[in-house]
Amino acid sequence: MTEAETKLWQYLRNRKFHNLKFLRQHPVIYQITNQNPNYYIADFYCSEKKVIVELDGKIHDFQKEKDEFRDSILTGMGIRILRLKNEETDDIFVTLGKIKEFIFGNG
């Protein structure tokens, strides 16, 4: 895991975040071909809310089309994706607020 992922994981693990179960580096299978699963690895996945939280480093500046294609497949499966930049974890409480808002909205 990156430094940013390690930092965020400390707040998401063991149901610390609103009692939601998050898995890190979790494979999400989107297709099976000849008994072989095709999958994407989610940085953080909450199956209870069908939410993926992705922390993007600089490399993602150069692979926007690839990320958009991946996201379209996953959203087609009913999974919502929140993409944050690694730097956003510098203020972890703002980041956690963004995740809370994304999952629960204004309610």
PDB file of N, CA and C in Angstrom:
ATOM      1  N   MET A   1       0.834  -1.182   0.000  1.00  0.00           N
ATOM      2  CA  MET A   1       0.000   0.000   0.000  1.00  0.00           C
ATOM      3  C   MET A   1       0.880   1.248   0.000  1.00  0.00           C
ATOM      4  N   THR A   2       0.333   2.293  -0.575  1.00  0.00           N
ATOM      5  CA  THR A   2       1.036   3.566  -0.546  1.00  0.00           C
ATOM      6  C   THR A   2       0.916   4.172   0.857  1.00  0.00           C
ATOM      7  N   GLU A   3       1.675   5.216   1.095  1.00  0.00           N
ATOM      8  CA  GLU A   3       1.607   5.899   2.390  1.00  0.00           C
ATOM      9  C   GLU A   3       0.196   6.433   2.644  1.00  0.00           C
ATOM     10  N   ALA A   4      -0.411   6.998   1.609  1.00  0.00           N
ATOM     11  CA  ALA A   4      -1.769   7.538   1.742  1.00  0.00           C
ATOM     12  C   ALA A   4      -2.770   6.421   2.052  1.00  0.00           C
ATOM     13  N   GLU A   5      -2.639   5.290   1.381  1.00  0.00           N
ATOM     14  CA  GLU A   5      -3.540   4.158   1.636  1.00  0.00           C
ATOM     15  C   GLU A   5      -3.371   3.635   3.058  1.00  0.00           C
ATOM     16  N   THR A   6      -2.133   3.544   3.504  1.00  0.00           N
ATOM     17  CA  THR A   6      -1.866   3.081   4.868  1.00  0.00           C
ATOM     18  C   THR A   6      -2.517   4.015   5.887  1.00  0.00           C
ATOM     19  N   LYS A   7      -2.397   5.294   5.638  1.00  0.00           N
ATOM     20  CA  LYS A   7      -2.984   6.291   6.534  1.00  0.00           C
ATOM     21  C   LYS A   7      -4.504   6.153   6.587  1.00  0.00           C
ATOM     22  N   LEU A   8      -5.149   6.076   5.428  1.00  0.00           N
ATOM     23  CA  LEU A   8      -6.606   5.960   5.386  1.00  0.00           C
ATOM     24  C   LEU A   8      -7.078   4.640   5.978  1.00  0.00           C
ATOM     25  N   TRP A   9      -6.337   3.574   5.733  1.00  0.00           N
ATOM     26  CA  TRP A   9      -6.707   2.255   6.223  1.00  0.00           C
ATOM     27  C   TRP A   9      -6.832   2.229   7.751  1.00  0.00           C
ATOM     28  N   GLN A  10      -6.028   3.012   8.419  1.00  0.00           N
ATOM     29  CA  GLN A  10      -6.091   3.050   9.886  1.00  0.00           C
ATOM     30  C   GLN A  10      -7.464   3.516  10.381  1.00  0.00           C
ATOM     31  N   TYR A  11      -8.172   4.283   9.555  1.00  0.00           N
ATOM     32  CA  TYR A  11      -9.488   4.800   9.936  1.00  0.00           C
ATOM     33  C   TYR A  11     -10.640   3.957   9.392  1.00  0.00           C
ATOM     34  N   LEU A  12     -10.384   3.166   8.356  1.00  0.00           N
ATOM     35  CA  LEU A  12     -11.448   2.361   7.744  1.00  0.00           C
ATOM     36  C   LEU A  12     -11.495   0.931   8.269  1.00  0.00           C
ATOM     37  N   ARG A  13     -10.385   0.438   8.765  1.00  0.00           N
ATOM     38  CA  ARG A  13     -10.292  -0.985   9.129  1.00  0.00           C
ATOM     39  C   ARG A  13     -11.087  -1.302  10.393  1.00  0.00           C
ATOM     40  N   ASN A  14     -11.423  -2.580  10.510  1.00  0.00           N
ATOM     41  CA  ASN A  14     -12.096  -3.104  11.711  1.00  0.00           C
ATOM     42  C   ASN A  14     -13.384  -2.358  12.072  1.00  0.00           C
ATOM     43  N   ARG A  15     -14.107  -1.953  11.052  1.00  0.00           N
ATOM     44  CA  ARG A  15     -15.404  -1.272  11.250  1.00  0.00           C
ATOM     45  C   ARG A  15     -15.297   0.016  12.066  1.00  0.00           C
ATOM     46  N   LYS A  16     -14.149   0.677  12.011  1.00  0.00           N
ATOM     47  CA  LYS A  16     -13.960   1.927  12.742  1.00  0.00           C
ATOM     48  C   LYS A  16     -14.745   3.082  12.122  1.00  0.00           C
ATOM     49  N   PHE A  17     -15.041   2.989  10.840  1.00  0.00           N
ATOM     50  CA  PHE A  17     -15.719   4.065  10.129  1.00  0.00           C
ATOM     51  C   PHE A  17     -17.204   3.746  10.000  1.00  0.00           C
ATOM     52  N   HIS A  18     -18.009   4.313  10.880  1.00  0.00           N
ATOM     53  CA  HIS A  18     -19.467   4.147  10.866  1.00  0.00           C
ATOM     54  C   HIS A  18     -19.897   2.678  10.861  1.00  0.00           C
ATOM     55  N   ASN A  19     -19.095   1.857  11.488  1.00  0.00           N
ATOM     56  CA  ASN A  19     -19.361   0.417  11.618  1.00  0.00           C
ATOM     57  C   ASN A  19     -19.498  -0.296  10.260  1.00  0.00           C
ATOM     58  N   LEU A  20     -18.875   0.250   9.231  1.00  0.00           N
ATOM     59  CA  LEU A  20     -18.899  -0.366   7.904  1.00  0.00           C
ATOM     60  C   LEU A  20     -17.666  -1.237   7.715  1.00  0.00           C
ATOM     61  N   LYS A  21     -17.857  -2.370   7.071  1.00  0.00           N
ATOM     62  CA  LYS A  21     -16.758  -3.287   6.792  1.00  0.00           C
ATOM     63  C   LYS A  21     -16.111  -2.904   5.465  1.00  0.00           C
ATOM     64  N   PHE A  22     -14.870  -2.453   5.526  1.00  0.00           N
ATOM     65  CA  PHE A  22     -14.088  -2.158   4.329  1.00  0.00           C
ATOM     66  C   PHE A  22     -13.019  -3.226   4.156  1.00  0.00           C
ATOM     67  N   LEU A  23     -12.792  -3.594   2.924  1.00  0.00           N
ATOM     68  CA  LEU A  23     -11.709  -4.502   2.566  1.00  0.00           C
ATOM     69  C   LEU A  23     -10.710  -3.708   1.748  1.00  0.00           C
ATOM     70  N   ARG A  24      -9.417  -3.979   1.942  1.00  0.00           N
ATOM     71  CA  ARG A  24      -8.404  -3.260   1.175  1.00  0.00           C
ATOM     72  C   ARG A  24      -7.827  -4.168   0.109  1.00  0.00           C
ATOM     73  N   GLN A  25      -7.438  -3.540  -0.997  1.00  0.00           N
ATOM     74  CA  GLN A  25      -6.866  -4.270  -2.137  1.00  0.00           C
ATOM     75  C   GLN A  25      -7.737  -5.483  -2.482  1.00  0.00           C
ATOM     76  N   HIS A  26      -9.025  -5.211  -2.623  1.00  0.00           N
ATOM     77  CA  HIS A  26     -10.007  -6.285  -2.819  1.00  0.00           C
ATOM     78  C   HIS A  26     -10.318  -6.482  -4.303  1.00  0.00           C
ATOM     79  N   PRO A  27     -10.220  -7.721  -4.801  1.00  0.00           N
ATOM     80  CA  PRO A  27     -10.576  -7.974  -6.197  1.00  0.00           C
ATOM     81  C   PRO A  27     -12.091  -7.962  -6.387  1.00  0.00           C
ATOM     82  N   VAL A  28     -12.545  -7.199  -7.369  1.00  0.00           N
ATOM     83  CA  VAL A  28     -13.963  -7.151  -7.718  1.00  0.00           C
ATOM     84  C   VAL A  28     -14.092  -7.809  -9.089  1.00  0.00           C
ATOM     85  N   ILE A  29     -14.703  -8.978  -9.108  1.00  0.00           N
ATOM     86  CA  ILE A  29     -14.845  -9.751 -10.353  1.00  0.00           C
ATOM     87  C   ILE A  29     -15.963  -9.132 -11.198  1.00  0.00           C
ATOM     88  N   TYR A  30     -15.660  -8.857 -12.455  1.00  0.00           N
ATOM     89  CA  TYR A  30     -16.672  -8.279 -13.337  1.00  0.00           C
ATOM     90  C   TYR A  30     -17.048  -9.219 -14.486  1.00  0.00           C
ATOM     91  N   GLN A  31     -16.294 -10.292 -14.687  1.00  0.00           N
ATOM     92  CA  GLN A  31     -16.575 -11.209 -15.790  1.00  0.00           C
ATOM     93  C   GLN A  31     -15.783 -12.489 -15.562  1.00  0.00           C
ATOM     94  N   ILE A  32     -16.353 -13.607 -16.004  1.00  0.00           N
ATOM     95  CA  ILE A  32     -15.623 -14.877 -15.960  1.00  0.00           C
ATOM     96  C   ILE A  32     -15.563 -15.425 -17.380  1.00  0.00           C
ATOM     97  N   THR A  33     -14.349 -15.657 -17.853  1.00  0.00           N
ATOM     98  CA  THR A  33     -14.118 -16.165 -19.198  1.00  0.00           C
ATOM     99  C   THR A  33     -13.370 -17.482 -19.093  1.00  0.00           C
ATOM    100  N   ASN A  34     -13.943 -18.544 -19.653  1.00  0.00           N
ATOM    101  CA  ASN A  34     -13.317 -19.869 -19.595  1.00  0.00           C
ATOM    102  C   ASN A  34     -12.909 -20.232 -18.167  1.00  0.00           C
ATOM    103  N   GLN A  35     -13.797 -19.986 -17.240  1.00  0.00           N
ATOM    104  CA  GLN A  35     -13.617 -20.272 -15.820  1.00  0.00           C
ATOM    105  C   GLN A  35     -12.518 -19.431 -15.160  1.00  0.00           C
ATOM    106  N   ASN A  36     -12.044 -18.410 -15.847  1.00  0.00           N
ATOM    107  CA  ASN A  36     -11.042 -17.505 -15.283  1.00  0.00           C
ATOM    108  C   ASN A  36     -11.696 -16.155 -14.996  1.00  0.00           C
ATOM    109  N   PRO A  37     -11.599 -15.709 -13.763  1.00  0.00           N
ATOM    110  CA  PRO A  37     -12.225 -14.421 -13.436  1.00  0.00           C
ATOM    111  C   PRO A  37     -11.415 -13.234 -13.952  1.00  0.00           C
ATOM    112  N   ASN A  38     -12.116 -12.251 -14.470  1.00  0.00           N
ATOM    113  CA  ASN A  38     -11.521 -10.950 -14.793  1.00  0.00           C
ATOM    114  C   ASN A  38     -11.934 -10.013 -13.671  1.00  0.00           C
ATOM    115  N   TYR A  39     -10.988  -9.279 -13.142  1.00  0.00           N
ATOM    116  CA  TYR A  39     -11.302  -8.455 -11.980  1.00  0.00           C
ATOM    117  C   TYR A  39     -10.460  -7.192 -11.959  1.00  0.00           C
ATOM    118  N   TYR A  40     -10.943  -6.254 -11.170  1.00  0.00           N
ATOM    119  CA  TYR A  40     -10.194  -5.047 -10.857  1.00  0.00           C
ATOM    120  C   TYR A  40      -9.919  -5.068  -9.363  1.00  0.00           C
ATOM    121  N   ILE A  41      -8.791  -4.530  -8.975  1.00  0.00           N
ATOM    122  CA  ILE A  41      -8.439  -4.435  -7.555  1.00  0.00           C
ATOM    123  C   ILE A  41      -8.874  -3.063  -7.049  1.00  0.00           C
ATOM    124  N   ALA A  42      -9.775  -3.074  -6.074  1.00  0.00           N
ATOM    125  CA  ALA A  42     -10.227  -1.827  -5.458  1.00  0.00           C
ATOM    126  C   ALA A  42      -9.324  -1.502  -4.278  1.00  0.00           C
ATOM    127  N   ASP A  43      -8.928  -0.248  -4.158  1.00  0.00           N
ATOM    128  CA  ASP A  43      -8.116   0.149  -3.001  1.00  0.00           C
ATOM    129  C   ASP A  43      -8.869  -0.191  -1.711  1.00  0.00           C
ATOM    130  N   PHE A  44     -10.117   0.273  -1.629  1.00  0.00           N
ATOM    131  CA  PHE A  44     -10.966  -0.008  -0.463  1.00  0.00           C
ATOM    132  C   PHE A  44     -12.374  -0.292  -0.965  1.00  0.00           C
ATOM    133  N   TYR A  45     -12.957  -1.394  -0.511  1.00  0.00           N
ATOM    134  CA  TYR A  45     -14.287  -1.794  -0.974  1.00  0.00           C
ATOM    135  C   TYR A  45     -15.185  -2.091   0.208  1.00  0.00           C
ATOM    136  N   CYS A  46     -16.381  -1.516   0.174  1.00  0.00           N
ATOM    137  CA  CYS A  46     -17.406  -1.783   1.183  1.00  0.00           C
ATOM    138  C   CYS A  46     -18.580  -2.440   0.476  1.00  0.00           C
ATOM    139  N   SER A  47     -18.740  -3.746   0.666  1.00  0.00           N
ATOM    140  CA  SER A  47     -19.826  -4.458  -0.014  1.00  0.00           C
ATOM    141  C   SER A  47     -21.189  -4.078   0.546  1.00  0.00           C
ATOM    142  N   GLU A  48     -21.247  -3.697   1.826  1.00  0.00           N
ATOM    143  CA  GLU A  48     -22.524  -3.311   2.438  1.00  0.00           C
ATOM    144  C   GLU A  48     -23.149  -2.118   1.725  1.00  0.00           C
ATOM    145  N   LYS A  49     -22.326  -1.209   1.264  1.00  0.00           N
ATOM    146  CA  LYS A  49     -22.808  -0.003   0.575  1.00  0.00           C
ATOM    147  C   LYS A  49     -22.492  -0.017  -0.918  1.00  0.00           C
ATOM    148  N   LYS A  50     -21.827  -1.077  -1.391  1.00  0.00           N
ATOM    149  CA  LYS A  50     -21.400  -1.182  -2.786  1.00  0.00           C
ATOM    150  C   LYS A  50     -20.636   0.082  -3.200  1.00  0.00           C
ATOM    151  N   VAL A  51     -19.604   0.383  -2.413  1.00  0.00           N
ATOM    152  CA  VAL A  51     -18.794   1.585  -2.620  1.00  0.00           C
ATOM    153  C   VAL A  51     -17.324   1.202  -2.684  1.00  0.00           C
ATOM    154  N   ILE A  52     -16.641   1.811  -3.637  1.00  0.00           N
ATOM    155  CA  ILE A  52     -15.186   1.708  -3.747  1.00  0.00           C
ATOM    156  C   ILE A  52     -14.613   3.090  -3.498  1.00  0.00           C
ATOM    157  N   VAL A  53     -13.564   3.139  -2.681  1.00  0.00           N
ATOM    158  CA  VAL A  53     -12.801   4.364  -2.486  1.00  0.00           C
ATOM    159  C   VAL A  53     -11.427   4.123  -3.105  1.00  0.00           C
ATOM    160  N   GLU A  54     -11.088   4.949  -4.074  1.00  0.00           N
ATOM    161  CA  GLU A  54      -9.801   4.856  -4.757  1.00  0.00           C
ATOM    162  C   GLU A  54      -8.949   6.051  -4.378  1.00  0.00           C
ATOM    163  N   LEU A  55      -7.714   5.805  -4.013  1.00  0.00           N
ATOM    164  CA  LEU A  55      -6.741   6.871  -3.797  1.00  0.00           C
ATOM    165  C   LEU A  55      -5.804   6.892  -4.989  1.00  0.00           C
ATOM    166  N   ASP A  56      -5.812   7.985  -5.702  1.00  0.00           N
ATOM    167  CA  ASP A  56      -5.058   8.082  -6.947  1.00  0.00           C
ATOM    168  C   ASP A  56      -3.777   8.880  -6.773  1.00  0.00           C
ATOM    169  N   GLY A  57      -2.687   8.286  -7.227  1.00  0.00           N
ATOM    170  CA  GLY A  57      -1.405   8.973  -7.275  1.00  0.00           C
ATOM    171  C   GLY A  57      -1.222   9.645  -8.621  1.00  0.00           C
ATOM    172  N   LYS A  58      -0.043  10.165  -8.852  1.00  0.00           N
ATOM    173  CA  LYS A  58       0.266  10.912 -10.091  1.00  0.00           C
ATOM    174  C   LYS A  58       0.080  10.074 -11.349  1.00  0.00           C
ATOM    175  N   ILE A  59       0.290   8.758 -11.253  1.00  0.00           N
ATOM    176  CA  ILE A  59       0.160   7.893 -12.434  1.00  0.00           C
ATOM    177  C   ILE A  59      -1.223   8.008 -13.072  1.00  0.00           C
ATOM    178  N   HIS A  60      -2.226   8.285 -12.245  1.00  0.00           N
ATOM    179  CA  HIS A  60      -3.596   8.363 -12.764  1.00  0.00           C
ATOM    180  C   HIS A  60      -3.814   9.593 -13.645  1.00  0.00           C
ATOM    181  N   ASP A  61      -2.913  10.574 -13.563  1.00  0.00           N
ATOM    182  CA  ASP A  61      -2.984  11.727 -14.462  1.00  0.00           C
ATOM    183  C   ASP A  61      -2.752  11.298 -15.908  1.00  0.00           C
ATOM    184  N   PHE A  62      -2.092  10.158 -16.091  1.00  0.00           N
ATOM    185  CA  PHE A  62      -1.720   9.698 -17.422  1.00  0.00           C
ATOM    186  C   PHE A  62      -2.542   8.503 -17.897  1.00  0.00           C
ATOM    187  N   GLN A  63      -3.514   8.076 -17.115  1.00  0.00           N
ATOM    188  CA  GLN A  63      -4.321   6.925 -17.519  1.00  0.00           C
ATOM    189  C   GLN A  63      -5.814   7.184 -17.283  1.00  0.00           C
ATOM    190  N   LYS A  64      -6.228   8.407 -17.586  1.00  0.00           N
ATOM    191  CA  LYS A  64      -7.620   8.802 -17.345  1.00  0.00           C
ATOM    192  C   LYS A  64      -8.606   7.937 -18.123  1.00  0.00           C
ATOM    193  N   GLU A  65      -8.312   7.630 -19.381  1.00  0.00           N
ATOM    194  CA  GLU A  65      -9.223   6.814 -20.187  1.00  0.00           C
ATOM    195  C   GLU A  65      -9.353   5.409 -19.611  1.00  0.00           C
ATOM    196  N   LYS A  66      -8.252   4.848 -19.191  1.00  0.00           N
ATOM    197  CA  LYS A  66      -8.268   3.513 -18.584  1.00  0.00           C
ATOM    198  C   LYS A  66      -9.114   3.518 -17.307  1.00  0.00           C
ATOM    199  N   ASP A  67      -8.933   4.537 -16.477  1.00  0.00           N
ATOM    200  CA  ASP A  67      -9.713   4.652 -15.239  1.00  0.00           C
ATOM    201  C   ASP A  67     -11.199   4.835 -15.536  1.00  0.00           C
ATOM    202  N   GLU A  68     -11.520   5.660 -16.540  1.00  0.00           N
ATOM    203  CA  GLU A  68     -12.921   5.886 -16.906  1.00  0.00           C
ATOM    204  C   GLU A  68     -13.572   4.597 -17.399  1.00  0.00           C
ATOM    205  N   PHE A  69     -12.846   3.809 -18.193  1.00  0.00           N
ATOM    206  CA  PHE A  69     -13.364   2.534 -18.689  1.00  0.00           C
ATOM    207  C   PHE A  69     -13.625   1.580 -17.524  1.00  0.00           C
ATOM    208  N   ARG A  70     -12.660   1.481 -16.635  1.00  0.00           N
ATOM    209  CA  ARG A  70     -12.780   0.639 -15.439  1.00  0.00           C
ATOM    210  C   ARG A  70     -13.982   1.070 -14.608  1.00  0.00           C
ATOM    211  N   ASP A  71     -14.093   2.379 -14.385  1.00  0.00           N
ATOM    212  CA  ASP A  71     -15.196   2.899 -13.584  1.00  0.00           C
ATOM    213  C   ASP A  71     -16.546   2.621 -14.237  1.00  0.00           C
ATOM    214  N   SER A  72     -16.613   2.697 -15.560  1.00  0.00           N
ATOM    215  CA  SER A  72     -17.888   2.448 -16.242  1.00  0.00           C
ATOM    216  C   SER A  72     -18.325   0.991 -16.076  1.00  0.00           C
ATOM    217  N   ILE A  73     -17.379   0.071 -16.098  1.00  0.00           N
ATOM    218  CA  ILE A  73     -17.717  -1.338 -15.876  1.00  0.00           C
ATOM    219  C   ILE A  73     -18.234  -1.534 -14.456  1.00  0.00           C
ATOM    220  N   LEU A  74     -17.526  -0.970 -13.488  1.00  0.00           N
ATOM    221  CA  LEU A  74     -17.911  -1.143 -12.088  1.00  0.00           C
ATOM    222  C   LEU A  74     -19.224  -0.441 -11.759  1.00  0.00           C
ATOM    223  N   THR A  75     -19.436   0.759 -12.285  1.00  0.00           N
ATOM    224  CA  THR A  75     -20.705   1.441 -12.028  1.00  0.00           C
ATOM    225  C   THR A  75     -21.855   0.710 -12.705  1.00  0.00           C
ATOM    226  N   GLY A  76     -21.568   0.046 -13.822  1.00  0.00           N
ATOM    227  CA  GLY A  76     -22.575  -0.786 -14.481  1.00  0.00           C
ATOM    228  C   GLY A  76     -23.005  -1.966 -13.621  1.00  0.00           C
ATOM    229  N   MET A  77     -22.171  -2.311 -12.661  1.00  0.00           N
ATOM    230  CA  MET A  77     -22.489  -3.388 -11.715  1.00  0.00           C
ATOM    231  C   MET A  77     -23.186  -2.837 -10.465  1.00  0.00           C
ATOM    232  N   GLY A  78     -23.465  -1.532 -10.468  1.00  0.00           N
ATOM    233  CA  GLY A  78     -24.137  -0.923  -9.332  1.00  0.00           C
ATOM    234  C   GLY A  78     -23.205  -0.482  -8.217  1.00  0.00           C
ATOM    235  N   ILE A  79     -21.912  -0.415  -8.508  1.00  0.00           N
ATOM    236  CA  ILE A  79     -20.921   0.009  -7.519  1.00  0.00           C
ATOM    237  C   ILE A  79     -20.638   1.487  -7.733  1.00  0.00           C
ATOM    238  N   ARG A  80     -20.658   2.241  -6.651  1.00  0.00           N
ATOM    239  CA  ARG A  80     -20.315   3.661  -6.714  1.00  0.00           C
ATOM    240  C   ARG A  80     -18.841   3.826  -6.364  1.00  0.00           C
ATOM    241  N   ILE A  81     -18.178   4.763  -7.049  1.00  0.00           N
ATOM    242  CA  ILE A  81     -16.732   4.932  -6.893  1.00  0.00           C
ATOM    243  C   ILE A  81     -16.418   6.372  -6.513  1.00  0.00           C
ATOM    244  N   LEU A  82     -15.661   6.512  -5.445  1.00  0.00           N
ATOM    245  CA  LEU A  82     -15.163   7.809  -5.025  1.00  0.00           C
ATOM    246  C   LEU A  82     -13.666   7.823  -5.260  1.00  0.00           C
ATOM    247  N   ARG A  83     -13.223   8.729  -6.120  1.00  0.00           N
ATOM    248  CA  ARG A  83     -11.791   8.876  -6.400  1.00  0.00           C
ATOM    249  C   ARG A  83     -11.266  10.102  -5.664  1.00  0.00           C
ATOM    250  N   LEU A  84     -10.220   9.885  -4.912  1.00  0.00           N
ATOM    251  CA  LEU A  84      -9.555  10.954  -4.179  1.00  0.00           C
ATOM    252  C   LEU A  84      -8.077  10.944  -4.538  1.00  0.00           C
ATOM    253  N   LYS A  85      -7.442  12.074  -4.453  1.00  0.00           N
ATOM    254  CA  LYS A  85      -6.008  12.137  -4.688  1.00  0.00           C
ATOM    255  C   LYS A  85      -5.269  11.794  -3.392  1.00  0.00           C
ATOM    256  N   ASN A  86      -4.122  11.161  -3.535  1.00  0.00           N
ATOM    257  CA  ASN A  86      -3.321  10.797  -2.370  1.00  0.00           C
ATOM    258  C   ASN A  86      -3.124  11.982  -1.424  1.00  0.00           C
ATOM    259  N   GLU A  87      -2.894  13.167  -2.000  1.00  0.00           N
ATOM    260  CA  GLU A  87      -2.613  14.354  -1.195  1.00  0.00           C
ATOM    261  C   GLU A  87      -3.781  14.725  -0.281  1.00  0.00           C
ATOM    262  N   GLU A  88      -4.978  14.298  -0.648  1.00  0.00           N
ATOM    263  CA  GLU A  88      -6.150  14.641   0.155  1.00  0.00           C
ATOM    264  C   GLU A  88      -6.097  14.007   1.541  1.00  0.00           C
ATOM    265  N   THR A  89      -5.305  12.952   1.694  1.00  0.00           N
ATOM    266  CA  THR A  89      -5.203  12.315   3.006  1.00  0.00           C
ATOM    267  C   THR A  89      -4.315  13.113   3.953  1.00  0.00           C
ATOM    268  N   ASP A  90      -3.690  14.183   3.448  1.00  0.00           N
ATOM    269  CA  ASP A  90      -2.901  15.038   4.337  1.00  0.00           C
ATOM    270  C   ASP A  90      -3.778  15.581   5.465  1.00  0.00           C
ATOM    271  N   ASP A  91      -5.029  15.893   5.128  1.00  0.00           N
ATOM    272  CA  ASP A  91      -6.010  16.257   6.157  1.00  0.00           C
ATOM    273  C   ASP A  91      -7.018  15.113   6.211  1.00  0.00           C
ATOM    274  N   ILE A  92      -6.684  14.105   6.982  1.00  0.00           N
ATOM    275  CA  ILE A  92      -7.446  12.852   6.989  1.00  0.00           C
ATOM    276  C   ILE A  92      -8.897  13.065   7.404  1.00  0.00           C
ATOM    277  N   PHE A  93      -9.154  14.041   8.250  1.00  0.00           N
ATOM    278  CA  PHE A  93     -10.524  14.248   8.713  1.00  0.00           C
ATOM    279  C   PHE A  93     -11.405  14.869   7.629  1.00  0.00           C
ATOM    280  N   VAL A  94     -10.818  15.694   6.774  1.00  0.00           N
ATOM    281  CA  VAL A  94     -11.555  16.196   5.610  1.00  0.00           C
ATOM    282  C   VAL A  94     -11.844  15.026   4.664  1.00  0.00           C
ATOM    283  N   THR A  95     -10.856  14.160   4.471  1.00  0.00           N
ATOM    284  CA  THR A  95     -11.037  12.986   3.612  1.00  0.00           C
ATOM    285  C   THR A  95     -12.149  12.089   4.144  1.00  0.00           C
ATOM    286  N   LEU A  96     -12.140  11.827   5.431  1.00  0.00           N
ATOM    287  CA  LEU A  96     -13.183  10.991   6.032  1.00  0.00           C
ATOM    288  C   LEU A  96     -14.556  11.646   5.883  1.00  0.00           C
ATOM    289  N   GLY A  97     -14.603  12.966   5.968  1.00  0.00           N
ATOM    290  CA  GLY A  97     -15.858  13.684   5.748  1.00  0.00           C
ATOM    291  C   GLY A  97     -16.370  13.511   4.332  1.00  0.00           C
ATOM    292  N   LYS A  98     -15.462  13.543   3.355  1.00  0.00           N
ATOM    293  CA  LYS A  98     -15.848  13.337   1.955  1.00  0.00           C
ATOM    294  C   LYS A  98     -16.388  11.925   1.746  1.00  0.00           C
ATOM    295  N   ILE A  99     -15.752  10.948   2.372  1.00  0.00           N
ATOM    296  CA  ILE A  99     -16.212   9.567   2.243  1.00  0.00           C
ATOM    297  C   ILE A  99     -17.585   9.412   2.895  1.00  0.00           C
ATOM    298  N   LYS A 100     -17.757   9.993   4.064  1.00  0.00           N
ATOM    299  CA  LYS A 100     -19.057   9.929   4.753  1.00  0.00           C
ATOM    300  C   LYS A 100     -20.145  10.568   3.892  1.00  0.00           C
ATOM    301  N   GLU A 101     -19.873  11.738   3.353  1.00  0.00           N
ATOM    302  CA  GLU A 101     -20.846  12.431   2.504  1.00  0.00           C
ATOM    303  C   GLU A 101     -21.177  11.606   1.266  1.00  0.00           C
ATOM    304  N   PHE A 102     -20.163  10.989   0.671  1.00  0.00           N
ATOM    305  CA  PHE A 102     -20.376  10.172  -0.530  1.00  0.00           C
ATOM    306  C   PHE A 102     -21.271   8.971  -0.219  1.00  0.00           C
ATOM    307  N   ILE A 103     -21.050   8.343   0.922  1.00  0.00           N
ATOM    308  CA  ILE A 103     -21.815   7.138   1.269  1.00  0.00           C
ATOM    309  C   ILE A 103     -23.215   7.475   1.761  1.00  0.00           C
ATOM    310  N   PHE A 104     -23.301   8.449   2.655  1.00  0.00           N
ATOM    311  CA  PHE A 104     -24.568   8.719   3.328  1.00  0.00           C
ATOM    312  C   PHE A 104     -25.317   9.931   2.810  1.00  0.00           C
ATOM    313  N   GLY A 105     -24.652  10.806   2.074  1.00  0.00           N
ATOM    314  CA  GLY A 105     -25.304  12.012   1.578  1.00  0.00           C
ATOM    315  C   GLY A 105     -25.655  12.967   2.707  1.00  0.00           C
ATOM    316  N   ASN A 106     -26.619  13.794   2.496  1.00  0.00           N
ATOM    317  CA  ASN A 106     -27.010  14.806   3.485  1.00  0.00           C
ATOM    318  C   ASN A 106     -27.925  14.274   4.564  1.00  0.00           C
ATOM    319  N   GLY A 107     -28.366  13.021   4.433  1.00  0.00           N
ATOM    320  CA  GLY A 107     -29.346  12.494   5.359  1.00  0.00           C
ATOM    321  C   GLY A 107     -28.796  12.214   6.688  1.00  0.00           C
TER     322      GLY A 107
END
